[in-house]
Amino acid sequence: MVAAGMALAGCQYAGNPTTATAPTVRGGAPGSTGTTQVTPPGGPGKGESGPGNPAKPPSGQGTNKPPKVAKPPHRKGYSYRYGPNLTARVALTFDDCPRTLAEERTVLTGAAQLGIGLMLFPTGSCIHSKRFDAKFARSQGHYVFNHSNTHPLLTRLSYSGVLSQLGLPGVQSRYGRPPFGGWNNTVARAYAAKGMKIWLWTVDTNDWHGYSEAYLVKYVTRTARAGDTVLMHMQWHGFSVDALRKIQAGLAKRGLEPCRNYGEPTPVRSWKVRC
């Protein structure tokens, strides 16, 4: 698990965003429990549904039939993978840092106009560099959570080291996401000491590979299920108003919708997250 996290570390911040079209993976976050579903390395097999091979409707079923309305998944207790979302809506979450402050404002304003509420996990270094304005994000109806200060693999740090990573200038919130999804008992204790719960993800887009906007839209809209948490990053191609609009439309065709934007500022620290 640690090795996988370190492999990601070498890729996630490599240069400027580029475009790739290779297949990706859907699965639980590293360190999480639960079922992981993986797309074969060579892509979807013959006859399977995938971005380049859409599933056909069952025999006798027309394509104009209204989609069934998704029902909230049944879960007991808090889940690191699903976080505080208890609805059937899909949580669109974005980690790390946008390329510019202007980009953050454009995307978050556009998402609010679409009625979409985003879950944002910026690093403390991103906030310090003034490329992310947490107050503005909340004013637009989006939630902002902790994602460490300098994005290290927390499982390689001491307890005091993890506590330091969860402090200022990072976001002080009720939920946080450890970089690369890496956690162990030491990390979990540090989050608890800071008054935070860990929130990972259920759908990993692997957008840091440089996948195109079109690919990411298809992947999210065809992979996400009711109540899922989708992982993307603010410096890659899913973080745009156009991508969000298309994801919203694609989910609607399957009877799903992203978390709603309620048109009012979100709290800085609250256990309740409205999706």
Foldseek 3Di string as FASTA:
>chain_A
DVVVLVVCVVQLPPDAFAADAADDFFAFFPPFDDDGGTAPRRGHDPQDDALVRHHDDPPPDDLPDAADAAAFDDDDDAGQALAQDRGQAEAEEAEEFAPALVLVLQLLLLCLVVQFAHEYEYAQCRVVVVRDDQQSSLQSQYHYAYAFHPQDQCVPDALVVLLNRRDPPTQLEQEYEYHSNHDDPSNQVSQVVSNHDHHTFRTELVQSVNHALSNSLRCLLVPDGTSGYYYHHNSHHCRHSVSQVSNQVSVSRNNHGHFGRPNGGDDSYDSDDRD
